[in-house]
Amino acid sequence: MRQGKLFIIATPIGNLGDISPRALQTLKEVDFILCEDTRQTKILCDHYGIRAPLLSYHQHSKIGKIEKIFEMIRNGNNLALVSDAGTPGISDPGNKLIDLLIRKFGNLEVIPLPGPSAVITALSVSGFPTDRFVFLGFCPAKKGRNKFFQEIAEQKYPVVFFESPYRILKTLTDFNNFPKLRDRRIFIGRELTKKFETIYRSTVKEIGDLLKKDKVKGEFVVIISQQENG
């Protein structure tokens, strides 16, 4: 029996219109769709009439689920991997699955279908130099926060990271404990591509006051300007 393929498919970060015709066609043709949260992916599938069965795969998936995915590939099933929003494998448990499958099946076809990324979307409108940048994923919730902020303070390039609505104000307050960061320019994108998309531009020491005026909801992409432009 012929071995299956794995398609890595970028999905909208907010606006459901931001998906390519090729991605939609592939989602309709694969045998199964692997997703972080079946409820989230079902919204996209229902919108576009995609009927492929959904199978959850996330950072807490147990070995039995991974073995099931191995078996599906072995039996010739073509699988699509999607994240809740954006490109799989970017601060996302999908990269671990891709690595496991490549190690298991050395000749596995892993086919990327590019599309939305919150990182690139934010950088494209930031106005900061983007020929080089550093992406640090999610800001640590507890352990390692000071080290995280210090790493940003020492960077010579713009730094991009994600933050949740529950910690964004605390993170901005903590930034002010680092003299090298206070006067840096900062860009924050909230709910990018969605109905209530909001973009904030200011300095680190002043931007917290801007956010306090609004309801702090939705996911945030934060970009701190490079050291030499502080």
C-alpha atoms as a PDB file:
ATOM      1  CA  MET A   1       0.000   0.000   0.000  1.00  0.00           C
ATOM      2  CA  ARG A   2       1.227   3.481  -0.848  1.00  0.00           C
ATOM      3  CA  GLN A   3       2.246   5.681   2.081  1.00  0.00           C
ATOM      4  CA  GLY A   4       0.171   8.768   2.831  1.00  0.00           C
ATOM      5  CA  LYS A   5       1.282  12.395   2.671  1.00  0.00           C
ATOM      6  CA  LEU A   6       1.242  15.209   5.225  1.00  0.00           C
ATOM      7  CA  PHE A   7       0.058  18.665   4.163  1.00  0.00           C
ATOM      8  CA  ILE A   8       0.966  21.627   6.401  1.00  0.00           C
ATOM      9  CA  ILE A   9      -1.797  24.166   5.812  1.00  0.00           C
ATOM     10  CA  ALA A  10      -1.892  27.765   7.013  1.00  0.00           C
ATOM     11  CA  THR A  11      -5.359  28.925   8.066  1.00  0.00           C
ATOM     12  CA  PRO A  12      -6.717  32.441   8.749  1.00  0.00           C
ATOM     13  CA  ILE A  13      -5.536  34.247  11.886  1.00  0.00           C
ATOM     14  CA  GLY A  14      -8.948  35.913  12.080  1.00  0.00           C
ATOM     15  CA  ASN A  15     -10.708  36.847   8.863  1.00  0.00           C
ATOM     16  CA  LEU A  16     -12.017  33.647   7.256  1.00  0.00           C
ATOM     17  CA  GLY A  17     -11.469  35.154   3.812  1.00  0.00           C
ATOM     18  CA  ASP A  18      -7.695  34.942   4.280  1.00  0.00           C
ATOM     19  CA  ILE A  19      -7.204  31.414   2.977  1.00  0.00           C
ATOM     20  CA  SER A  20      -5.917  30.328  -0.414  1.00  0.00           C
ATOM     21  CA  PRO A  21      -7.956  28.366  -2.989  1.00  0.00           C
ATOM     22  CA  ARG A  22      -5.229  25.700  -2.933  1.00  0.00           C
ATOM     23  CA  ALA A  23      -5.550  25.323   0.846  1.00  0.00           C
ATOM     24  CA  LEU A  24      -9.320  24.960   0.601  1.00  0.00           C
ATOM     25  CA  GLN A  25      -9.079  22.401  -2.194  1.00  0.00           C
ATOM     26  CA  THR A  26      -6.539  20.340  -0.252  1.00  0.00           C
ATOM     27  CA  LEU A  27      -8.641  20.421   2.942  1.00  0.00           C
ATOM     28  CA  LYS A  28     -11.547  19.042   0.916  1.00  0.00           C
ATOM     29  CA  GLU A  29      -9.437  16.253  -0.575  1.00  0.00           C
ATOM     30  CA  VAL A  30      -7.453  14.896   2.395  1.00  0.00           C
ATOM     31  CA  ASP A  31      -8.659  11.915   4.393  1.00  0.00           C
ATOM     32  CA  PHE A  32      -8.290  13.544   7.827  1.00  0.00           C
ATOM     33  CA  ILE A  33      -7.528  16.981   9.270  1.00  0.00           C
ATOM     34  CA  LEU A  34      -5.320  17.141  12.374  1.00  0.00           C
ATOM     35  CA  CYS A  35      -6.059  20.228  14.471  1.00  0.00           C
ATOM     36  CA  GLU A  36      -5.371  21.711  17.906  1.00  0.00           C
ATOM     37  CA  ASP A  37      -9.039  22.298  18.756  1.00  0.00           C
ATOM     38  CA  THR A  38     -11.707  20.569  16.661  1.00  0.00           C
ATOM     39  CA  ARG A  39     -14.252  23.221  17.696  1.00  0.00           C
ATOM     40  CA  GLN A  40     -12.117  25.995  16.282  1.00  0.00           C
ATOM     41  CA  THR A  41     -11.326  24.209  13.020  1.00  0.00           C
ATOM     42  CA  LYS A  42     -14.978  23.200  12.610  1.00  0.00           C
ATOM     43  CA  ILE A  43     -15.890  26.880  12.243  1.00  0.00           C
ATOM     44  CA  LEU A  44     -13.615  27.137   9.208  1.00  0.00           C
ATOM     45  CA  CYS A  45     -14.755  23.794   7.787  1.00  0.00           C
ATOM     46  CA  ASP A  46     -18.458  24.610   8.151  1.00  0.00           C
ATOM     47  CA  HIS A  47     -17.923  27.996   6.503  1.00  0.00           C
ATOM     48  CA  TYR A  48     -16.372  26.420   3.411  1.00  0.00           C
ATOM     49  CA  GLY A  49     -18.262  23.106   3.288  1.00  0.00           C
ATOM     50  CA  ILE A  50     -15.230  20.972   4.183  1.00  0.00           C
ATOM     51  CA  ARG A  51     -16.315  17.483   5.260  1.00  0.00           C
ATOM     52  CA  ALA A  52     -13.033  15.720   6.075  1.00  0.00           C
ATOM     53  CA  PRO A  53     -13.069  14.163   9.582  1.00  0.00           C
ATOM     54  CA  LEU A  54     -11.307  16.201  12.275  1.00  0.00           C
ATOM     55  CA  LEU A  55      -8.831  14.620  14.673  1.00  0.00           C
ATOM     56  CA  SER A  56      -7.386  16.586  17.576  1.00  0.00           C
ATOM     57  CA  TYR A  57      -3.635  16.822  18.010  1.00  0.00           C
ATOM     58  CA  HIS A  58      -2.143  19.223  20.567  1.00  0.00           C
ATOM     59  CA  GLN A  59       0.746  19.546  23.023  1.00  0.00           C
ATOM     60  CA  HIS A  60      -0.942  17.213  25.524  1.00  0.00           C
ATOM     61  CA  SER A  61      -1.727  14.430  23.045  1.00  0.00           C
ATOM     62  CA  LYS A  62      -0.663  11.038  24.377  1.00  0.00           C
ATOM     63  CA  ILE A  63       1.467   8.424  22.668  1.00  0.00           C
ATOM     64  CA  GLY A  64      -1.639   6.475  21.664  1.00  0.00           C
ATOM     65  CA  LYS A  65      -2.838   9.391  19.519  1.00  0.00           C
ATOM     66  CA  ILE A  66       0.556   9.685  17.875  1.00  0.00           C
ATOM     67  CA  GLU A  67       0.630   5.955  17.149  1.00  0.00           C
ATOM     68  CA  LYS A  68      -2.807   6.306  15.540  1.00  0.00           C
ATOM     69  CA  ILE A  69      -1.447   9.063  13.277  1.00  0.00           C
ATOM     70  CA  PHE A  70       1.512   6.814  12.360  1.00  0.00           C
ATOM     71  CA  GLU A  71      -0.914   4.072  11.403  1.00  0.00           C
ATOM     72  CA  MET A  72      -3.008   6.421   9.280  1.00  0.00           C
ATOM     73  CA  ILE A  73       0.052   7.496   7.286  1.00  0.00           C
ATOM     74  CA  ARG A  74       1.201   3.884   6.976  1.00  0.00           C
ATOM     75  CA  ASN A  75      -2.218   2.904   5.586  1.00  0.00           C
ATOM     76  CA  GLY A  76      -2.033   5.497   2.822  1.00  0.00           C
ATOM     77  CA  ASN A  77      -4.170   8.248   4.353  1.00  0.00           C
ATOM     78  CA  ASN A  78      -3.340  11.814   3.355  1.00  0.00           C
ATOM     79  CA  LEU A  79      -3.430  14.129   6.372  1.00  0.00           C
ATOM     80  CA  ALA A  80      -3.672  17.890   6.706  1.00  0.00           C
ATOM     81  CA  LEU A  81      -2.170  19.582   9.752  1.00  0.00           C
ATOM     82  CA  VAL A  82      -3.642  22.933  10.784  1.00  0.00           C
ATOM     83  CA  SER A  83      -3.320  25.128  13.858  1.00  0.00           C
ATOM     84  CA  ASP A  84      -6.124  27.089  15.492  1.00  0.00           C
ATOM     85  CA  ALA A  85      -4.966  30.126  13.529  1.00  0.00           C
ATOM     86  CA  GLY A  86      -2.051  30.883  11.226  1.00  0.00           C
ATOM     87  CA  THR A  87       0.815  28.675  10.120  1.00  0.00           C
ATOM     88  CA  PRO A  88       1.343  25.323  11.888  1.00  0.00           C
ATOM     89  CA  GLY A  89       4.692  24.739  13.562  1.00  0.00           C
ATOM     90  CA  ILE A  90       5.301  28.363  14.581  1.00  0.00           C
ATOM     91  CA  SER A  91       5.104  28.410  18.410  1.00  0.00           C
ATOM     92  CA  ASP A  92       2.769  25.503  17.914  1.00  0.00           C
ATOM     93  CA  PRO A  93       2.839  21.784  18.830  1.00  0.00           C
ATOM     94  CA  GLY A  94       2.666  20.867  15.151  1.00  0.00           C
ATOM     95  CA  ASN A  95       6.434  21.135  14.802  1.00  0.00           C
ATOM     96  CA  LYS A  96       6.897  18.246  17.238  1.00  0.00           C
ATOM     97  CA  LEU A  97       4.512  16.041  15.232  1.00  0.00           C
ATOM     98  CA  ILE A  98       6.258  16.903  11.973  1.00  0.00           C
ATOM     99  CA  ASP A  99       9.598  15.915  13.516  1.00  0.00           C
ATOM    100  CA  LEU A 100       8.194  12.622  14.835  1.00  0.00           C
ATOM    101  CA  LEU A 101       6.684  11.729  11.459  1.00  0.00           C
ATOM    102  CA  ILE A 102       9.878  12.543   9.568  1.00  0.00           C
ATOM    103  CA  ARG A 103      11.873  10.382  11.982  1.00  0.00           C
ATOM    104  CA  LYS A 104       9.340   7.547  11.645  1.00  0.00           C
ATOM    105  CA  PHE A 105       8.965   7.736   7.869  1.00  0.00           C
ATOM    106  CA  GLY A 106      12.225   8.967   6.371  1.00  0.00           C
ATOM    107  CA  ASN A 107      10.711   9.375   2.911  1.00  0.00           C
ATOM    108  CA  LEU A 108       7.467  11.030   4.076  1.00  0.00           C
ATOM    109  CA  GLU A 109       6.225  13.787   1.764  1.00  0.00           C
ATOM    110  CA  VAL A 110       5.618  16.899   3.904  1.00  0.00           C
ATOM    111  CA  ILE A 111       3.991  19.507   1.682  1.00  0.00           C
ATOM    112  CA  PRO A 112       3.665  23.153   2.819  1.00  0.00           C
ATOM    113  CA  LEU A 113       0.702  25.286   1.767  1.00  0.00           C
ATOM    114  CA  PRO A 114       1.730  28.807   2.842  1.00  0.00           C
ATOM    115  CA  GLY A 115      -0.588  31.483   4.097  1.00  0.00           C
ATOM    116  CA  PRO A 116      -1.345  33.731   7.077  1.00  0.00           C
ATOM    117  CA  SER A 117       1.091  34.247   9.936  1.00  0.00           C
ATOM    118  CA  ALA A 118       0.501  36.654  12.810  1.00  0.00           C
ATOM    119  CA  VAL A 119       4.244  37.325  12.999  1.00  0.00           C
ATOM    120  CA  ILE A 120       4.594  38.393   9.353  1.00  0.00           C
ATOM    121  CA  THR A 121       1.271  40.243   9.370  1.00  0.00           C
ATOM    122  CA  ALA A 122       2.378  42.404  12.302  1.00  0.00           C
ATOM    123  CA  LEU A 123       5.859  43.022  10.881  1.00  0.00           C
ATOM    124  CA  SER A 124       4.401  44.089   7.532  1.00  0.00           C
ATOM    125  CA  VAL A 125       2.620  47.084   9.098  1.00  0.00           C
ATOM    126  CA  SER A 126       5.014  47.856  11.948  1.00  0.00           C
ATOM    127  CA  GLY A 127       7.209  50.298  10.073  1.00  0.00           C
ATOM    128  CA  PHE A 128      10.303  48.773  11.696  1.00  0.00           C
ATOM    129  CA  PRO A 129      13.244  47.474   9.630  1.00  0.00           C
ATOM    130  CA  THR A 130      12.393  43.860   8.786  1.00  0.00           C
ATOM    131  CA  ASP A 131      15.431  42.656   6.854  1.00  0.00           C
ATOM    132  CA  ARG A 132      16.401  40.997  10.146  1.00  0.00           C
ATOM    133  CA  PHE A 133      14.279  40.309  13.204  1.00  0.00           C
ATOM    134  CA  VAL A 134      14.124  37.971  16.200  1.00  0.00           C
ATOM    135  CA  PHE A 135      11.030  35.937  17.052  1.00  0.00           C
ATOM    136  CA  LEU A 136      10.743  34.714  20.649  1.00  0.00           C
ATOM    137  CA  GLY A 137       7.360  32.963  20.665  1.00  0.00           C
ATOM    138  CA  PHE A 138       5.237  33.468  23.779  1.00  0.00           C
ATOM    139  CA  CYS A 139       6.418  35.556  26.702  1.00  0.00           C
ATOM    140  CA  PRO A 140       6.957  33.234  29.709  1.00  0.00           C
ATOM    141  CA  ALA A 141       4.072  33.348  32.170  1.00  0.00           C
ATOM    142  CA  LYS A 142       6.211  32.909  35.297  1.00  0.00           C
ATOM    143  CA  LYS A 143       9.640  31.271  35.235  1.00  0.00           C
ATOM    144  CA  GLY A 144      12.224  32.948  33.032  1.00  0.00           C
ATOM    145  CA  ARG A 145      10.499  36.309  32.585  1.00  0.00           C
ATOM    146  CA  ASN A 146      13.462  38.449  33.638  1.00  0.00           C
ATOM    147  CA  LYS A 147      15.784  36.488  31.358  1.00  0.00           C
ATOM    148  CA  PHE A 148      13.274  36.955  28.521  1.00  0.00           C
ATOM    149  CA  PHE A 149      13.158  40.740  29.014  1.00  0.00           C
ATOM    150  CA  GLN A 150      16.938  40.953  29.301  1.00  0.00           C
ATOM    151  CA  GLU A 151      17.325  39.058  26.040  1.00  0.00           C
ATOM    152  CA  ILE A 152      15.052  41.580  24.321  1.00  0.00           C
ATOM    153  CA  ALA A 153      17.004  44.499  25.833  1.00  0.00           C
ATOM    154  CA  GLU A 154      20.252  43.186  24.336  1.00  0.00           C
ATOM    155  CA  GLN A 155      18.973  42.577  20.810  1.00  0.00           C
ATOM    156  CA  LYS A 156      20.264  44.585  17.842  1.00  0.00           C
ATOM    157  CA  TYR A 157      17.181  43.716  15.770  1.00  0.00           C
ATOM    158  CA  PRO A 158      13.420  44.159  16.230  1.00  0.00           C
ATOM    159  CA  VAL A 159      11.943  41.501  18.513  1.00  0.00           C
ATOM    160  CA  VAL A 160       8.534  39.902  17.954  1.00  0.00           C
ATOM    161  CA  PHE A 161       6.630  37.880  20.541  1.00  0.00           C
ATOM    162  CA  PHE A 162       3.098  36.834  21.480  1.00  0.00           C
ATOM    163  CA  GLU A 163       1.241  37.745  24.650  1.00  0.00           C
ATOM    164  CA  SER A 164      -2.173  36.859  26.084  1.00  0.00           C
ATOM    165  CA  PRO A 165      -4.819  39.395  27.139  1.00  0.00           C
ATOM    166  CA  TYR A 166      -4.424  38.205  30.728  1.00  0.00           C
ATOM    167  CA  ARG A 167      -0.768  39.254  30.980  1.00  0.00           C
ATOM    168  CA  ILE A 168      -0.227  42.030  28.440  1.00  0.00           C
ATOM    169  CA  LEU A 169      -0.494  44.904  30.934  1.00  0.00           C
ATOM    170  CA  LYS A 170       1.753  43.141  33.453  1.00  0.00           C
ATOM    171  CA  THR A 171       4.321  42.471  30.738  1.00  0.00           C
ATOM    172  CA  LEU A 172       4.350  46.108  29.649  1.00  0.00           C
ATOM    173  CA  THR A 173       4.770  47.174  33.283  1.00  0.00           C
ATOM    174  CA  ASP A 174       7.644  44.715  33.732  1.00  0.00           C
ATOM    175  CA  PHE A 175       9.379  46.120  30.648  1.00  0.00           C
ATOM    176  CA  ASN A 176       9.818  49.400  32.494  1.00  0.00           C
ATOM    177  CA  ASN A 177      12.123  47.690  34.983  1.00  0.00           C
ATOM    178  CA  PHE A 178      14.730  47.557  32.191  1.00  0.00           C
ATOM    179  CA  PRO A 179      16.236  50.987  31.434  1.00  0.00           C
ATOM    180  CA  LYS A 180      17.386  49.823  27.983  1.00  0.00           C
ATOM    181  CA  LEU A 181      13.763  49.175  27.002  1.00  0.00           C
ATOM    182  CA  ARG A 182      11.813  52.145  28.337  1.00  0.00           C
ATOM    183  CA  ASP A 183      12.449  54.479  25.407  1.00  0.00           C
ATOM    184  CA  ARG A 184      12.239  51.864  22.660  1.00  0.00           C
ATOM    185  CA  ARG A 185       9.491  52.186  20.098  1.00  0.00           C
ATOM    186  CA  ILE A 186       6.870  49.470  20.406  1.00  0.00           C
ATOM    187  CA  PHE A 187       4.142  48.147  18.116  1.00  0.00           C
ATOM    188  CA  ILE A 188       1.223  46.083  19.398  1.00  0.00           C
ATOM    189  CA  GLY A 189      -1.339  44.407  17.151  1.00  0.00           C
ATOM    190  CA  ARG A 190      -4.566  43.155  18.716  1.00  0.00           C
ATOM    191  CA  GLU A 191      -7.128  40.955  16.938  1.00  0.00           C
ATOM    192  CA  LEU A 192      -5.277  41.355  13.638  1.00  0.00           C
ATOM    193  CA  THR A 193      -7.519  40.878  10.540  1.00  0.00           C
ATOM    194  CA  LYS A 194     -10.637  40.661  12.746  1.00  0.00           C
ATOM    195  CA  LYS A 195     -13.542  43.079  13.125  1.00  0.00           C
ATOM    196  CA  PHE A 196     -12.042  44.832  16.139  1.00  0.00           C
ATOM    197  CA  GLU A 197      -8.460  44.919  14.879  1.00  0.00           C
ATOM    198  CA  THR A 198      -6.481  47.538  16.799  1.00  0.00           C
ATOM    199  CA  ILE A 199      -2.916  48.740  16.324  1.00  0.00           C
ATOM    200  CA  TYR A 200      -0.972  50.650  18.966  1.00  0.00           C
ATOM    201  CA  ARG A 201       2.272  52.554  18.356  1.00  0.00           C
ATOM    202  CA  SER A 202       4.169  54.334  21.109  1.00  0.00           C
ATOM    203  CA  THR A 203       7.168  53.894  23.406  1.00  0.00           C
ATOM    204  CA  VAL A 204       7.508  51.127  25.965  1.00  0.00           C
ATOM    205  CA  LYS A 205       7.090  53.533  28.883  1.00  0.00           C
ATOM    206  CA  GLU A 206       3.905  55.096  27.470  1.00  0.00           C
ATOM    207  CA  ILE A 207       2.031  52.330  25.674  1.00  0.00           C
ATOM    208  CA  GLY A 208       0.517  50.779  28.798  1.00  0.00           C
ATOM    209  CA  ASP A 209      -1.638  53.894  29.247  1.00  0.00           C
ATOM    210  CA  LEU A 210      -3.009  53.481  25.706  1.00  0.00           C
ATOM    211  CA  LEU A 211      -4.039  49.874  26.309  1.00  0.00           C
ATOM    212  CA  LYS A 212      -5.677  50.703  29.649  1.00  0.00           C
ATOM    213  CA  LYS A 213      -8.130  52.947  27.789  1.00  0.00           C
ATOM    214  CA  ASP A 214      -9.437  49.987  25.774  1.00  0.00           C
ATOM    215  CA  LYS A 215     -10.869  46.625  26.728  1.00  0.00           C
ATOM    216  CA  VAL A 216      -7.894  44.268  26.892  1.00  0.00           C
ATOM    217  CA  LYS A 217      -9.275  41.363  24.873  1.00  0.00           C
ATOM    218  CA  GLY A 218      -7.928  39.138  22.113  1.00  0.00           C
ATOM    219  CA  GLU A 219      -4.457  37.888  21.293  1.00  0.00           C
ATOM    220  CA  PHE A 220      -1.531  40.299  21.005  1.00  0.00           C
ATOM    221  CA  VAL A 221       1.522  40.459  18.761  1.00  0.00           C
ATOM    222  CA  VAL A 222       4.217  42.715  20.216  1.00  0.00           C
ATOM    223  CA  ILE A 223       7.221  44.154  18.370  1.00  0.00           C
ATOM    224  CA  ILE A 224       9.995  46.046  20.167  1.00  0.00           C
ATOM    225  CA  SER A 225      12.286  48.244  18.052  1.00  0.00           C
ATOM    226  CA  GLN A 226      15.969  47.435  17.741  1.00  0.00           C
ATOM    227  CA  GLN A 227      18.552  48.598  20.245  1.00  0.00           C
ATOM    228  CA  GLU A 228      20.210  51.270  18.104  1.00  0.00           C
ATOM    229  CA  ASN A 229      16.886  53.029  17.546  1.00  0.00           C
ATOM    230  CA  GLY A 230      15.956  53.075  21.233  1.00  0.00           C
END
